[in-house]
Amino acid sequence: MKAMILASGRGERMMPITKDLPKPMLKVGNVTLIEDKIIRLAESGVTEIIINVGYLGYQIKDFVGDGSKFGIEITLSDEGDMPIGTANGIRKILEYFDDENFIVVNSDIWTNYLYIDLNDKLINNNYAHIILVNNPNYHNGDFSLNQNYLIQGNDFTFSGIGVYNPKLFKKYNDKELGDILRKEEKITGEIYNGLWSDIGTPGRLDELRKKL
């Protein structure tokens, strides 16, 4: 299975830390956020990763190269300095996945989730399977579940991890992935209770560093 790491955001809530450094290049311990995702995906059997880059993206390009130092093939999709939206970023390189299911993970999360668990989750002609977490104290929730299917509600928070059928991005033309997930009925989900953190602010980054 191939995977995509979303890494093109400007990280405005992380300012001034991200003034001269893209958020995926921030470190937790001795590992950058982008490196952590690459290593964990590779350990789960993913052999090809595409990373979309934007703001200060050259720093990510210089760091990951072609992926050979990680033992994996990496392709970069440059979206320019201005964000084009998460769904548009995926749609831009959809042919890369050869009509096969693929994993998408946000670069700005920290988790010990095992991505190999996603391999067999997309079944019964569903369009996507996403991982949810219990709402952290800084988030009001994104979705609820009914018999493992995503429904409107705010019981759980989207983790930024999922596996997708390319047809989902051909069926809708919304700019953001979240808008598509709220429209489509054939999306399943599950709750992950392990380590997970959304590194959206300097405070959360500092809190995670102290915890680890």
Protein backbone atom coordinates (compact mmCIF):
# COMPACT_ATOMS: atom_id res chain seq x y z
CA MET A 1 0.00 0.00 0.00
CA LYS A 2 1.12 3.53 -0.78
CA ALA A 3 0.72 6.46 1.59
CA MET A 4 0.55 10.23 1.57
CA ILE A 5 1.78 12.56 4.30
CA LEU A 6 0.04 15.95 4.42
CA ALA A 7 2.80 18.46 5.09
CA SER A 8 1.92 21.64 3.18
CA GLY A 9 0.28 23.71 5.92
CA ARG A 10 1.68 27.09 6.95
CA GLY A 11 1.60 26.34 10.66
CA GLU A 12 0.31 29.81 11.51
CA ARG A 13 -0.83 28.79 15.00
CA MET A 14 2.74 27.69 15.72
CA MET A 15 4.22 31.12 15.10
CA PRO A 16 6.86 32.35 15.82
CA ILE A 17 8.37 28.85 15.90
CA THR A 18 7.41 28.26 12.28
CA LYS A 19 8.55 31.65 10.99
CA ASP A 20 11.65 30.08 9.45
CA LEU A 21 10.86 26.39 9.83
CA PRO A 22 7.94 24.38 8.39
CA LYS A 23 5.92 22.62 11.07
CA PRO A 24 6.77 19.09 9.83
CA MET A 25 10.42 19.85 10.59
CA LEU A 26 9.77 20.52 14.27
CA LYS A 27 11.34 17.94 16.55
CA VAL A 28 9.96 15.81 19.34
CA GLY A 29 13.04 14.40 21.01
CA ASN A 30 15.60 13.87 18.27
CA VAL A 31 13.05 13.07 15.57
CA THR A 32 11.25 15.52 13.28
CA LEU A 33 7.50 15.16 12.81
CA ILE A 34 7.94 14.25 9.15
CA GLU A 35 10.66 11.70 9.89
CA ASP A 36 8.49 10.03 12.52
CA LYS A 37 5.70 9.45 9.97
CA ILE A 38 8.08 8.13 7.33
CA ILE A 39 9.70 5.66 9.72
CA ARG A 40 6.40 4.40 11.14
CA LEU A 41 4.85 3.98 7.70
CA ALA A 42 7.92 2.14 6.44
CA GLU A 43 7.85 -0.15 9.48
CA SER A 44 4.22 -0.94 8.64
CA GLY A 45 5.12 -2.20 5.17
CA VAL A 46 4.48 0.94 3.10
CA THR A 47 7.08 1.11 0.33
CA GLU A 48 6.11 4.35 -1.43
CA ILE A 49 5.17 7.69 0.13
CA ILE A 50 4.16 10.97 -1.46
CA ILE A 51 4.53 14.14 0.59
CA ASN A 52 2.82 17.38 -0.36
CA VAL A 53 4.83 20.47 0.54
CA GLY A 54 4.15 24.17 0.47
CA TYR A 55 5.37 26.82 2.89
CA LEU A 56 9.18 26.53 3.24
CA GLY A 57 8.82 23.19 1.49
CA TYR A 58 12.40 23.21 0.25
CA GLN A 59 13.52 22.37 3.77
CA ILE A 60 11.41 19.20 3.74
CA LYS A 61 12.70 18.35 0.26
CA ASP A 62 16.31 18.71 1.36
CA PHE A 63 15.68 16.61 4.45
CA VAL A 64 13.80 13.62 2.98
CA GLY A 65 15.39 13.54 -0.47
CA ASP A 66 14.22 10.57 -2.49
CA GLY A 67 13.65 8.48 0.63
CA SER A 68 16.64 6.21 0.11
CA LYS A 69 18.10 7.05 3.52
CA PHE A 70 14.88 5.70 5.03
CA GLY A 71 14.83 2.64 2.78
CA ILE A 72 11.65 3.84 1.09
CA GLU A 73 10.66 5.63 -2.12
CA ILE A 74 9.51 9.22 -1.57
CA THR A 75 7.89 11.53 -4.13
CA LEU A 76 7.21 15.19 -3.41
CA SER A 77 4.23 17.24 -4.60
CA ASP A 78 4.97 20.97 -4.47
CA GLU A 79 1.79 23.02 -3.99
CA GLY A 80 3.42 26.44 -3.79
CA ASP A 81 3.35 28.90 -0.91
CA MET A 82 -0.43 29.25 -0.60
CA PRO A 83 -2.49 26.30 0.69
CA ILE A 84 -4.76 24.63 -1.88
CA GLY A 85 -6.72 22.50 0.61
CA THR A 86 -6.21 18.97 1.87
CA ALA A 87 -8.60 17.31 -0.58
CA ASN A 88 -7.21 19.29 -3.50
CA GLY A 89 -3.72 18.26 -2.46
CA ILE A 90 -4.76 14.61 -2.62
CA ARG A 91 -6.71 15.07 -5.84
CA LYS A 92 -3.67 16.72 -7.46
CA ILE A 93 -1.66 13.48 -7.27
CA LEU A 94 -4.50 10.93 -7.36
CA GLU A 95 -3.03 9.11 -10.39
CA TYR A 96 -0.02 8.23 -8.24
CA PHE A 97 -2.12 5.63 -6.41
CA ASP A 98 -3.09 3.65 -9.53
CA ASP A 99 -6.74 3.32 -8.45
CA GLU A 100 -5.63 1.43 -5.33
CA ASN A 101 -6.54 2.25 -1.72
CA PHE A 102 -4.01 4.47 0.03
CA ILE A 103 -3.19 5.78 3.50
CA VAL A 104 -3.21 9.48 4.37
CA VAL A 105 -1.72 10.81 7.59
CA ASN A 106 -1.28 14.35 8.87
CA SER A 107 2.31 15.32 9.54
CA ASP A 108 1.43 17.40 12.61
CA ILE A 109 0.26 14.61 14.90
CA TRP A 110 2.23 12.38 17.26
CA THR A 111 0.97 8.85 17.86
CA ASN A 112 2.03 5.27 18.41
CA TYR A 113 -0.75 4.00 16.16
CA LEU A 114 0.40 1.06 14.01
CA TYR A 115 -0.42 1.95 10.41
CA ILE A 116 -0.25 -1.69 9.38
CA ASP A 117 -3.63 -2.02 11.11
CA LEU A 118 -5.17 -0.01 8.24
CA ASN A 119 -4.34 -2.55 5.54
CA ASP A 120 -7.54 -4.55 5.84
CA LYS A 121 -9.95 -1.90 7.12
CA LEU A 122 -11.49 -0.70 3.86
CA ILE A 123 -14.09 -3.32 2.93
CA ASN A 124 -17.63 -3.74 1.56
CA ASN A 125 -17.28 -1.02 -1.09
CA ASN A 126 -16.83 1.73 1.51
CA TYR A 127 -14.97 4.84 0.44
CA ALA A 128 -12.84 5.39 3.52
CA HIS A 129 -11.98 4.17 7.00
CA ILE A 130 -10.71 6.73 9.47
CA ILE A 131 -9.23 6.61 12.95
CA LEU A 132 -10.94 8.62 15.67
CA VAL A 133 -9.78 9.51 19.18
CA ASN A 134 -11.57 10.68 22.29
CA ASN A 135 -11.91 14.45 22.31
CA PRO A 136 -8.90 16.18 23.89
CA ASN A 137 -9.63 19.11 26.18
CA TYR A 138 -8.81 21.57 23.39
CA HIS A 139 -11.19 20.13 20.78
CA ASN A 140 -14.98 19.92 20.60
CA GLY A 141 -15.09 16.87 18.37
CA ASP A 142 -15.64 16.17 14.65
CA PHE A 143 -17.82 13.07 14.26
CA SER A 144 -19.93 10.43 15.96
CA LEU A 145 -20.31 6.75 15.09
CA ASN A 146 -23.33 4.55 14.44
CA GLN A 147 -22.50 0.86 14.06
CA ASN A 148 -18.96 1.84 13.01
CA TYR A 149 -20.22 4.26 10.34
CA LEU A 150 -19.39 7.95 10.48
CA ILE A 151 -22.35 10.21 11.27
CA GLN A 152 -22.81 13.86 12.18
CA GLY A 153 -21.92 14.60 15.77
CA ASN A 154 -19.05 15.58 18.00
CA ASP A 155 -18.38 12.55 20.18
CA PHE A 156 -14.91 11.95 18.72
CA THR A 157 -12.04 13.80 17.08
CA PHE A 158 -10.55 12.87 13.71
CA SER A 159 -6.98 11.70 14.32
CA GLY A 160 -5.65 12.70 10.90
CA ILE A 161 -5.18 9.03 9.97
CA GLY A 162 -7.22 7.16 7.39
CA VAL A 163 -7.27 4.85 4.40
CA TYR A 164 -9.13 5.96 1.28
CA ASN A 165 -10.49 4.72 -2.01
CA PRO A 166 -9.54 7.10 -4.87
CA LYS A 167 -13.17 7.15 -6.00
CA LEU A 168 -14.01 9.33 -2.99
CA PHE A 169 -12.01 12.21 -4.44
CA LYS A 170 -13.57 11.80 -7.86
CA LYS A 171 -17.09 11.81 -6.44
CA TYR A 172 -16.62 15.16 -4.66
CA ASN A 173 -14.79 18.33 -5.60
CA ASP A 174 -14.63 19.94 -2.14
CA LYS A 175 -11.39 21.70 -1.25
CA GLU A 176 -10.99 20.18 2.21
CA LEU A 177 -10.98 16.52 3.22
CA GLY A 178 -13.11 17.21 6.30
CA ASP A 179 -15.96 18.54 4.15
CA ILE A 180 -15.98 15.33 2.12
CA LEU A 181 -15.96 13.13 5.20
CA ARG A 182 -19.04 14.95 6.50
CA LYS A 183 -20.95 14.36 3.24
CA GLU A 184 -20.23 10.74 2.38
CA GLU A 185 -22.25 8.01 4.10
CA LYS A 186 -20.04 5.05 3.16
CA ILE A 187 -17.22 5.85 5.58
CA THR A 188 -16.37 3.69 8.57
CA GLY A 189 -14.39 4.60 11.65
CA GLU A 190 -12.93 3.20 14.83
CA ILE A 191 -11.69 4.59 18.13
CA TYR A 192 -7.99 4.52 18.99
CA ASN A 193 -7.18 4.78 22.67
CA GLY A 194 -3.40 4.86 22.47
CA LEU A 195 -0.99 7.79 22.44
CA TRP A 196 -2.15 10.62 20.18
CA SER A 197 -1.55 14.37 20.16
CA ASP A 198 -2.38 17.13 17.71
CA ILE A 199 0.63 19.42 17.65
CA GLY A 200 -1.25 22.57 16.73
CA THR A 201 0.23 25.15 19.09
CA PRO A 202 3.57 25.81 20.80
CA GLY A 203 1.96 24.91 24.12
CA ARG A 204 0.88 21.47 22.91
CA LEU A 205 4.33 20.84 21.45
CA ASP A 206 5.96 21.76 24.73
CA GLU A 207 3.51 19.60 26.67
CA LEU A 208 4.21 16.59 24.43
CA ARG A 209 7.98 17.05 24.74
CA LYS A 210 7.71 17.08 28.52
CA LYS A 211 5.45 14.02 28.53
CA LEU A 212 7.84 11.99 26.39
